[in-house]
C-alpha cells in the first residue's frame, strides 16, 4: 500500500520533495530533543518512508499534453464560404 502517490503533479518540483523529507526528519529531531522518543521514531519513520518514495523510487512522468487539432479547410462549414462584406457593408 502506497501512502504517497509519486505521480501526483505536486511532487514534480525537487524543492517540494526536499521540504517534505526535511520537515519529517526535523520534527523527529525536535521530538528526540524534547524527550519524547516515541513520536521521534514515528516522525523519523515518516521521513524515511517519504525519502524512499520521493527520491529512491521516484520516476517523474512527463506532463500529459494533448495534441493540438487544427481544423482542415474541408471540414469548415458554409460560414467559411459565405461572402464577406466590404468596408461599406456591401457584399463583394
C-alpha atoms as a PDB file:
ATOM      1  CA  UNK A   1       0.000   0.000   0.000  1.00  0.00           C
ATOM      2  CA  UNK A   2       1.398   3.371  -1.029  1.00  0.00           C
ATOM      3  CA  UNK A   3       0.702   6.339   1.219  1.00  0.00           C
ATOM      4  CA  UNK A   4       2.322   8.868  -1.134  1.00  0.00           C
ATOM      5  CA  UNK A   5       1.448   8.934  -4.837  1.00  0.00           C
ATOM      6  CA  UNK A   6       4.744   9.934  -6.506  1.00  0.00           C
ATOM      7  CA  UNK A   7       2.961  10.578  -9.821  1.00  0.00           C
ATOM      8  CA  UNK A   8       0.948  13.451  -8.362  1.00  0.00           C
ATOM      9  CA  UNK A   9       1.853  16.759 -10.056  1.00  0.00           C
ATOM     10  CA  UNK A  10       2.674  18.362  -6.693  1.00  0.00           C
ATOM     11  CA  UNK A  11       5.805  16.212  -6.351  1.00  0.00           C
ATOM     12  CA  UNK A  12       7.388  17.157  -9.701  1.00  0.00           C
ATOM     13  CA  UNK A  13       9.414  20.003  -8.202  1.00  0.00           C
ATOM     14  CA  UNK A  14      12.541  18.999  -6.332  1.00  0.00           C
ATOM     15  CA  UNK A  15      12.157  21.606  -3.596  1.00  0.00           C
ATOM     16  CA  UNK A  16       8.749  20.193  -2.606  1.00  0.00           C
ATOM     17  CA  UNK A  17      10.155  16.706  -2.143  1.00  0.00           C
ATOM     18  CA  UNK A  18      13.160  18.018  -0.215  1.00  0.00           C
ATOM     19  CA  UNK A  19      10.904  20.106   2.040  1.00  0.00           C
ATOM     20  CA  UNK A  20       8.669  17.146   2.891  1.00  0.00           C
ATOM     21  CA  UNK A  21      11.609  14.941   3.860  1.00  0.00           C
ATOM     22  CA  UNK A  22      13.349  17.753   5.754  1.00  0.00           C
ATOM     23  CA  UNK A  23      10.241  18.621   7.766  1.00  0.00           C
ATOM     24  CA  UNK A  24       9.708  14.991   8.767  1.00  0.00           C
ATOM     25  CA  UNK A  25      13.311  14.495   9.889  1.00  0.00           C
ATOM     26  CA  UNK A  26      13.380  17.925  11.515  1.00  0.00           C
ATOM     27  CA  UNK A  27      10.308  17.111  13.544  1.00  0.00           C
ATOM     28  CA  UNK A  28      11.891  13.816  14.589  1.00  0.00           C
ATOM     29  CA  UNK A  29      14.896  15.740  15.900  1.00  0.00           C
ATOM     30  CA  UNK A  30      12.599  18.111  17.810  1.00  0.00           C
ATOM     31  CA  UNK A  31      10.808  15.166  19.417  1.00  0.00           C
ATOM     32  CA  UNK A  32      14.070  13.461  20.440  1.00  0.00           C
ATOM     33  CA  UNK A  33      15.490  16.692  21.874  1.00  0.00           C
ATOM     34  CA  UNK A  34      12.369  17.373  23.929  1.00  0.00           C
ATOM     35  CA  UNK A  35      12.492  13.847  25.348  1.00  0.00           C
ATOM     36  CA  UNK A  36       9.686  12.057  23.526  1.00  0.00           C
ATOM     37  CA  UNK A  37      11.337   9.207  21.603  1.00  0.00           C
ATOM     38  CA  UNK A  38       8.050   7.516  20.594  1.00  0.00           C
ATOM     39  CA  UNK A  39       6.938  10.461  18.432  1.00  0.00           C
ATOM     40  CA  UNK A  40      10.515  10.927  17.265  1.00  0.00           C
ATOM     41  CA  UNK A  41      10.589   7.383  15.912  1.00  0.00           C
ATOM     42  CA  UNK A  42       7.236   7.913  14.194  1.00  0.00           C
ATOM     43  CA  UNK A  43       8.334  11.186  12.582  1.00  0.00           C
ATOM     44  CA  UNK A  44      11.673   9.626  11.601  1.00  0.00           C
ATOM     45  CA  UNK A  45       9.837   6.695  10.040  1.00  0.00           C
ATOM     46  CA  UNK A  46       7.651   9.103   8.079  1.00  0.00           C
ATOM     47  CA  UNK A  47      10.806  10.871   6.901  1.00  0.00           C
ATOM     48  CA  UNK A  48      12.456   7.612   5.881  1.00  0.00           C
ATOM     49  CA  UNK A  49       9.327   6.471   4.031  1.00  0.00           C
ATOM     50  CA  UNK A  50       8.940   9.798   2.246  1.00  0.00           C
ATOM     51  CA  UNK A  51      12.635   9.734   1.273  1.00  0.00           C
ATOM     52  CA  UNK A  52      12.236   6.233  -0.121  1.00  0.00           C
ATOM     53  CA  UNK A  53       9.143   7.098  -2.170  1.00  0.00           C
ATOM     54  CA  UNK A  54      10.058  10.637  -3.271  1.00  0.00           C
ATOM     55  CA  UNK A  55      13.747  10.078  -4.048  1.00  0.00           C
ATOM     56  CA  UNK A  56      14.775   6.440  -4.180  1.00  0.00           C
ATOM     57  CA  UNK A  57      11.904   5.086  -6.325  1.00  0.00           C
ATOM     58  CA  UNK A  58      10.780   8.392  -7.896  1.00  0.00           C
ATOM     59  CA  UNK A  59      10.374   8.236 -11.664  1.00  0.00           C
ATOM     60  CA  UNK A  60       8.918  11.524 -12.908  1.00  0.00           C
ATOM     61  CA  UNK A  61       6.174  11.245 -15.503  1.00  0.00           C
ATOM     62  CA  UNK A  62       6.185  13.787 -18.311  1.00  0.00           C
ATOM     63  CA  UNK A  63       3.135  16.037 -18.238  1.00  0.00           C
ATOM     64  CA  UNK A  64       0.328  14.678 -20.369  1.00  0.00           C
ATOM     65  CA  UNK A  65      -0.349  17.021 -23.247  1.00  0.00           C
ATOM     66  CA  UNK A  66      -2.997  16.571 -25.863  1.00  0.00           C
ATOM     67  CA  UNK A  67      -2.076  17.265 -29.477  1.00  0.00           C
ATOM     68  CA  UNK A  68      -3.434  20.497 -30.875  1.00  0.00           C
ATOM     69  CA  UNK A  69      -6.059  19.778 -33.507  1.00  0.00           C
ATOM     70  CA  UNK A  70      -6.206  22.287 -36.322  1.00  0.00           C
ATOM     71  CA  UNK A  71      -9.358  22.354 -38.426  1.00  0.00           C
ATOM     72  CA  UNK A  72      -8.927  21.401 -42.059  1.00  0.00           C
ATOM     73  CA  UNK A  73     -10.285  23.563 -44.860  1.00  0.00           C
ATOM     74  CA  UNK A  74     -12.552  20.691 -45.934  1.00  0.00           C
ATOM     75  CA  UNK A  75     -14.255  20.497 -42.551  1.00  0.00           C
ATOM     76  CA  UNK A  76     -15.290  24.138 -42.493  1.00  0.00           C
ATOM     77  CA  UNK A  77     -18.980  24.660 -42.987  1.00  0.00           C
ATOM     78  CA  UNK A  78     -20.886  27.108 -45.187  1.00  0.00           C
ATOM     79  CA  UNK A  79     -19.935  30.040 -42.952  1.00  0.00           C
ATOM     80  CA  UNK A  80     -16.377  29.911 -44.255  1.00  0.00           C
ATOM     81  CA  UNK A  81     -17.515  30.127 -47.891  1.00  0.00           C
ATOM     82  CA  UNK A  82     -20.018  32.960 -47.389  1.00  0.00           C
ATOM     83  CA  UNK A  83     -19.222  36.286 -48.955  1.00  0.00           C
ATOM     84  CA  UNK A  84     -17.547  38.728 -46.663  1.00  0.00           C
ATOM     85  CA  UNK A  85     -18.897  42.282 -46.528  1.00  0.00           C
ATOM     86  CA  UNK A  86     -16.597  45.099 -47.553  1.00  0.00           C
ATOM     87  CA  UNK A  87     -15.898  48.198 -45.509  1.00  0.00           C
ATOM     88  CA  UNK A  88     -19.082  49.943 -46.626  1.00  0.00           C
ATOM     89  CA  UNK A  89     -21.285  46.988 -45.610  1.00  0.00           C
ATOM     90  CA  UNK A  90     -21.976  45.785 -49.164  1.00  0.00           C
ATOM     91  CA  UNK A  91     -21.130  42.213 -50.185  1.00  0.00           C
ATOM     92  CA  UNK A  92     -18.476  41.969 -52.847  1.00  0.00           C
END
